[in-house]
């Protein structure tokens, strides 16, 4: 079997391991903790499910993004928060416990929201049959690769907490390597398409990332959330699980070009998120946490 033919299977296994690692960091209490800050949770979910897709649509129209990449951008916008959101939130004073809880609930909800948004984007931007919408069987495939490993990881965490603690750092490192590897593969394999569309694709990916971070933070502050919670919300909706977006593009929808926005994003988001943290969050006036 050639490497190209084996790539979807490799991505499937790698993403399953990444989601297993996420499960190792979760407990049932992470879901229960959502009740402690209902306003923050509700705002984060509305931003994730409604505001981010709306921002992506606006940027697609404003910057005239090609249809195939428009679908890829919508796929990225529909992806839940990534593990890196917890790291950035920790570095810049966010409520990391809230990040963990939001990642958990967003991952569950994305099983419904991601196929809905992806199918809407395909029907809206690609009406030539170039990409087949997500059918029920493909949705089950996404459920299997996302939720089953997470649940297994949570069971292992419950029964073997020592093992989970030891594997925490290695699994985070593995997640970063997987993200970098498959992003690089996507960029290399579609290099000619990328170079032909970089002028439209690069700016819209950067704008989408920055808009997500800004909207998440300032709307949270406007809603009266304390700075640590606002920081958590901003990184949760601004740092996406781009590995999942690439997996859906390549393994589920069978079109690697759909994954290019996520591949570019997975590289650029470290720069934009770091700049956002230093230039916006740390320059905010100090306040006493409640």
Protein backbone atom coordinates (compact mmCIF):
# COMPACT_ATOMS: atom_id res chain seq x y z
CA UNK A 1 0.00 0.00 0.00
CA UNK A 2 1.35 3.44 -0.94
CA UNK A 3 1.76 6.21 1.62
CA UNK A 4 -0.95 8.27 -0.11
CA UNK A 5 -3.42 5.38 0.11
CA UNK A 6 -2.54 4.77 3.76
CA UNK A 7 -2.75 8.45 4.74
CA UNK A 8 -6.47 8.48 5.71
CA UNK A 9 -5.97 5.41 7.93
CA UNK A 10 -2.90 6.92 9.56
CA UNK A 11 -4.77 10.15 10.23
CA UNK A 12 -7.68 8.19 11.68
CA UNK A 13 -5.41 6.33 14.10
CA UNK A 14 -3.45 9.46 15.02
CA UNK A 15 -6.58 11.50 15.71
CA UNK A 16 -8.04 8.66 17.78
CA UNK A 17 -4.89 8.71 19.92
CA UNK A 18 -5.11 12.51 20.25
CA UNK A 19 -8.74 12.25 21.40
CA UNK A 20 -7.74 9.44 23.81
CA UNK A 21 -5.15 11.83 25.26
CA UNK A 22 -7.86 14.46 25.67
CA UNK A 23 -9.99 11.89 27.50
CA UNK A 24 -7.11 11.22 29.90
CA UNK A 25 -7.34 14.86 31.00
CA UNK A 26 -11.12 14.84 31.56
CA UNK A 27 -13.33 13.76 34.43
CA UNK A 28 -17.07 13.78 35.00
CA UNK A 29 -16.49 16.75 37.31
CA UNK A 30 -15.30 18.77 34.31
CA UNK A 31 -18.82 18.58 32.91
CA UNK A 32 -20.39 19.25 36.31
CA UNK A 33 -18.20 22.34 36.71
CA UNK A 34 -20.06 23.99 33.84
CA UNK A 35 -22.91 24.73 36.28
CA UNK A 36 -20.67 27.05 38.30
CA UNK A 37 -20.46 29.68 35.53
CA UNK A 38 -23.63 29.36 33.44
CA UNK A 39 -23.26 32.79 31.80
CA UNK A 40 -19.73 32.05 30.60
CA UNK A 41 -20.76 28.63 29.29
CA UNK A 42 -23.82 29.97 27.47
CA UNK A 43 -21.83 32.80 25.89
CA UNK A 44 -19.03 30.47 24.79
CA UNK A 45 -21.49 28.04 23.20
CA UNK A 46 -23.34 30.80 21.35
CA UNK A 47 -20.04 32.19 20.05
CA UNK A 48 -18.85 28.73 18.98
CA UNK A 49 -22.08 27.61 17.32
CA UNK A 50 -23.36 30.89 15.86
CA UNK A 51 -20.85 33.75 15.92
CA UNK A 52 -17.82 31.93 14.48
CA UNK A 53 -19.66 30.49 11.45
CA UNK A 54 -21.21 33.93 10.88
CA UNK A 55 -17.76 35.58 11.00
CA UNK A 56 -16.44 32.98 8.56
CA UNK A 57 -19.31 33.66 6.12
CA UNK A 58 -18.67 37.39 6.35
CA UNK A 59 -14.97 36.97 5.60
CA UNK A 60 -15.71 34.60 2.70
CA UNK A 61 -17.96 37.21 1.11
CA UNK A 62 -15.71 40.16 1.92
CA UNK A 63 -12.48 38.57 0.65
CA UNK A 64 -13.98 36.54 -2.20
CA UNK A 65 -12.68 33.15 -1.05
CA UNK A 66 -12.76 30.32 -3.60
CA UNK A 67 -15.66 27.88 -2.99
CA UNK A 68 -13.51 24.87 -2.10
CA UNK A 69 -11.61 26.89 0.51
CA UNK A 70 -14.80 28.53 1.73
CA UNK A 71 -16.05 25.09 2.73
CA UNK A 72 -12.69 24.37 4.37
CA UNK A 73 -12.90 27.60 6.36
CA UNK A 74 -16.42 26.74 7.53
CA UNK A 75 -15.17 23.30 8.52
CA UNK A 76 -12.46 24.94 10.62
CA UNK A 77 -14.95 27.36 12.21
CA UNK A 78 -17.20 24.43 13.15
CA UNK A 79 -14.39 22.49 14.84
CA UNK A 80 -14.37 22.58 18.66
CA UNK A 81 -11.63 24.06 20.80
CA UNK A 82 -8.27 22.36 20.67
CA UNK A 83 -5.99 21.12 23.45
CA UNK A 84 -3.67 24.08 22.82
CA UNK A 85 -6.39 26.41 24.12
CA UNK A 86 -5.65 25.17 27.63
CA UNK A 87 -1.95 26.01 27.27
CA UNK A 88 -2.55 29.54 25.98
CA UNK A 89 -5.16 30.16 28.65
CA UNK A 90 -2.68 29.10 31.32
CA UNK A 91 0.08 31.30 29.90
CA UNK A 92 -2.09 34.41 29.81
CA UNK A 93 -4.02 34.15 33.05
CA UNK A 94 -7.17 32.34 31.96
CA UNK A 95 -9.39 30.04 33.96
CA UNK A 96 -7.90 26.75 32.73
CA UNK A 97 -10.51 24.64 34.52
CA UNK A 98 -13.18 26.42 32.47
CA UNK A 99 -11.19 25.74 29.29
CA UNK A 100 -11.09 22.04 30.06
CA UNK A 101 -14.83 21.99 30.72
CA UNK A 102 -15.65 23.99 27.58
CA UNK A 103 -13.44 21.74 25.46
CA UNK A 104 -15.32 18.74 26.81
CA UNK A 105 -18.81 20.09 26.09
CA UNK A 106 -17.81 21.62 22.73
CA UNK A 107 -16.33 18.31 21.61
CA UNK A 108 -19.62 16.57 22.41
CA UNK A 109 -21.77 19.21 20.70
CA UNK A 110 -19.54 19.28 17.61
CA UNK A 111 -20.79 15.79 16.76
CA UNK A 112 -24.06 17.49 15.77
CA UNK A 113 -22.94 20.99 14.82
CA UNK A 114 -19.94 20.10 12.64
CA UNK A 115 -21.86 17.91 10.16
CA UNK A 116 -24.70 20.46 9.99
CA UNK A 117 -22.37 23.38 9.26
CA UNK A 118 -20.22 21.34 6.86
CA UNK A 119 -23.24 20.17 4.86
CA UNK A 120 -24.66 23.70 4.73
CA UNK A 121 -21.32 25.00 3.43
CA UNK A 122 -21.07 22.26 0.79
CA UNK A 123 -24.63 22.94 -0.40
CA UNK A 124 -24.02 26.71 -0.45
CA UNK A 125 -20.55 26.99 -1.96
CA UNK A 126 -20.07 23.72 -3.88
CA UNK A 127 -23.09 22.87 -5.99
CA UNK A 128 -21.20 20.86 -8.60
CA UNK A 129 -21.00 17.55 -6.78
CA UNK A 130 -17.27 18.10 -6.26
CA UNK A 131 -17.66 17.13 -2.61
CA UNK A 132 -20.29 14.72 -1.31
CA UNK A 133 -22.04 15.99 1.86
CA UNK A 134 -21.65 14.14 5.14
CA UNK A 135 -24.05 11.21 5.12
CA UNK A 136 -25.27 9.38 8.21
CA UNK A 137 -22.56 6.74 7.95
CA UNK A 138 -19.84 9.38 7.73
CA UNK A 139 -21.30 11.20 10.73
CA UNK A 140 -21.06 7.93 12.68
CA UNK A 141 -17.41 7.74 11.61
CA UNK A 142 -16.77 11.18 13.10
CA UNK A 143 -18.61 10.15 16.29
CA UNK A 144 -16.46 7.04 16.53
CA UNK A 145 -13.13 8.79 16.09
CA UNK A 146 -14.05 11.66 18.42
CA UNK A 147 -16.18 10.35 21.24
CA UNK A 148 -15.18 6.70 21.63
CA UNK A 149 -11.47 7.44 22.32
CA UNK A 150 -12.45 10.32 24.65
CA UNK A 151 -14.73 8.03 26.66
CA UNK A 152 -12.06 5.33 26.82
CA UNK A 153 -9.56 7.93 28.03
CA UNK A 154 -11.98 9.10 30.73
CA UNK A 155 -12.51 5.52 31.92
CA UNK A 156 -8.74 4.99 32.09
CA UNK A 157 -8.38 8.28 33.99
CA UNK A 158 -11.00 7.11 36.50
CA UNK A 159 -9.48 3.66 37.02
CA UNK A 160 -5.78 4.48 36.61
CA UNK A 161 -5.25 8.10 37.70
CA UNK A 162 -1.51 7.55 38.12
CA UNK A 163 -1.14 6.37 34.53
CA UNK A 164 -3.15 9.37 33.31
CA UNK A 165 -0.90 11.78 35.18
CA UNK A 166 2.25 10.19 33.74
CA UNK A 167 0.86 10.23 30.21
CA UNK A 168 -0.37 13.84 30.33
CA UNK A 169 2.75 15.53 28.99
CA UNK A 170 3.65 12.81 26.44
CA UNK A 171 0.14 12.87 24.98
CA UNK A 172 0.21 16.66 24.66
CA UNK A 173 3.55 16.41 22.88
CA UNK A 174 2.16 13.68 20.63
CA UNK A 175 -0.85 15.86 19.80
CA UNK A 176 1.45 18.70 18.77
CA UNK A 177 3.53 16.37 16.59
CA UNK A 178 0.42 14.93 14.90
CA UNK A 179 -0.92 18.41 14.19
CA UNK A 180 2.39 19.58 12.74
CA UNK A 181 2.91 16.43 10.68
CA UNK A 182 -0.49 16.31 9.01
CA UNK A 183 -0.57 20.07 8.48
CA UNK A 184 2.79 19.80 6.71
CA UNK A 185 1.54 16.85 4.63
CA UNK A 186 -1.56 18.79 3.59
CA UNK A 187 0.50 21.83 2.59
CA UNK A 188 3.11 19.80 0.67
CA UNK A 189 0.60 17.63 -1.20
CA UNK A 190 -1.47 20.64 -2.23
CA UNK A 191 1.44 23.03 -2.70
CA UNK A 192 0.47 24.09 -6.22
CA UNK A 193 -3.13 24.79 -5.17
CA UNK A 194 -1.90 26.61 -2.08
CA UNK A 195 0.51 28.88 -3.96
CA UNK A 196 -2.21 29.67 -6.50
CA UNK A 197 -4.65 30.77 -3.81
CA UNK A 198 -2.42 32.00 -0.98
CA UNK A 199 -3.36 35.64 -1.60
CA UNK A 200 -6.99 34.90 -0.78
CA UNK A 201 -6.52 31.99 1.62
CA UNK A 202 -3.78 33.37 3.90
CA UNK A 203 -5.48 36.65 4.86
CA UNK A 204 -8.87 35.04 5.49
CA UNK A 205 -7.35 32.39 7.78
CA UNK A 206 -5.46 35.02 9.78
CA UNK A 207 -8.50 37.30 9.93
CA UNK A 208 -10.71 34.45 11.07
CA UNK A 209 -8.31 33.53 13.87
CA UNK A 210 -7.91 37.11 15.10
CA UNK A 211 -11.64 37.78 14.87
CA UNK A 212 -12.36 34.66 16.93
CA UNK A 213 -9.97 35.75 19.69
CA UNK A 214 -11.16 39.36 19.75
CA UNK A 215 -14.86 38.52 19.66
CA UNK A 216 -14.45 35.91 22.38
CA UNK A 217 -12.59 38.23 24.73
CA UNK A 218 -14.38 41.54 24.29
CA UNK A 219 -17.90 40.16 24.14
CA UNK A 220 -17.14 38.21 27.31
CA UNK A 221 -15.93 41.36 29.03
CA UNK A 222 -18.96 43.27 27.77
CA UNK A 223 -21.16 40.55 29.27
CA UNK A 224 -19.55 41.18 32.64
CA UNK A 225 -17.27 38.16 32.87
CA UNK A 226 -14.12 38.46 34.97
CA UNK A 227 -10.86 38.65 33.07
CA UNK A 228 -9.81 35.00 33.75
CA UNK A 229 -13.14 33.71 32.41
CA UNK A 230 -13.05 36.06 29.41
CA UNK A 231 -9.53 34.88 28.65
CA UNK A 232 -10.65 31.26 28.84
CA UNK A 233 -13.58 31.89 26.49
CA UNK A 234 -11.45 33.81 23.99
CA UNK A 235 -8.85 31.06 23.66
CA UNK A 236 -11.47 28.32 23.68
CA UNK A 237 -13.23 29.70 20.61
CA UNK A 238 -10.05 31.10 19.04
CA UNK A 239 -7.94 27.92 19.15
CA UNK A 240 -9.63 25.18 17.12
CA UNK A 241 -9.02 21.46 16.84
CA UNK A 242 -7.58 21.76 13.35
CA UNK A 243 -6.52 18.10 13.40
CA UNK A 244 -10.21 17.18 13.43
CA UNK A 245 -10.91 19.56 10.53
CA UNK A 246 -8.09 17.99 8.49
CA UNK A 247 -9.37 14.51 9.34
CA UNK A 248 -12.91 15.32 8.18
CA UNK A 249 -11.57 16.94 4.99
CA UNK A 250 -9.27 14.07 4.05
CA UNK A 251 -10.68 10.89 5.55
CA UNK A 252 -14.42 11.66 5.65
CA UNK A 253 -15.00 14.02 2.70
CA UNK A 254 -12.06 12.72 0.67
CA UNK A 255 -10.72 16.10 -0.44
CA UNK A 256 -7.41 17.32 0.96
CA UNK A 257 -7.91 20.83 -0.43
CA UNK A 258 -10.71 21.27 2.09
CA UNK A 259 -8.10 20.84 4.81
CA UNK A 260 -5.73 23.56 3.59
CA UNK A 261 -7.34 26.37 5.64
CA UNK A 262 -6.96 24.20 8.76
CA UNK A 263 -3.38 23.32 7.83
CA UNK A 264 -2.41 26.98 7.39
CA UNK A 265 -4.30 27.87 10.55
CA UNK A 266 -2.48 25.23 12.59
CA UNK A 267 0.79 27.02 11.85
CA UNK A 268 -0.35 30.63 12.03
CA UNK A 269 -2.51 30.32 15.15
CA UNK A 270 0.53 29.97 17.41
CA UNK A 271 1.74 33.36 16.21
CA UNK A 272 -1.63 35.11 16.33
CA UNK A 273 -2.62 33.64 19.69
CA UNK A 274 0.72 34.60 21.25
CA UNK A 275 0.55 38.13 19.84
CA UNK A 276 -3.04 38.42 21.03
CA UNK A 277 -2.07 37.30 24.50
CA UNK A 278 0.79 39.79 24.86
CA UNK A 279 -0.68 42.80 23.08
CA UNK A 280 -4.30 42.61 24.26
CA UNK A 281 -4.81 40.48 27.33
CA UNK A 282 -1.73 41.41 29.35
CA UNK A 283 -2.25 45.11 28.63
CA UNK A 284 -5.74 45.04 30.12
CA UNK A 285 -6.07 46.98 33.40
CA UNK A 286 -5.64 44.82 36.49
CA UNK A 287 -8.67 43.81 38.46
CA UNK A 288 -9.57 41.76 41.48
CA UNK A 289 -11.01 38.40 40.61
CA UNK A 290 -14.34 37.68 42.31
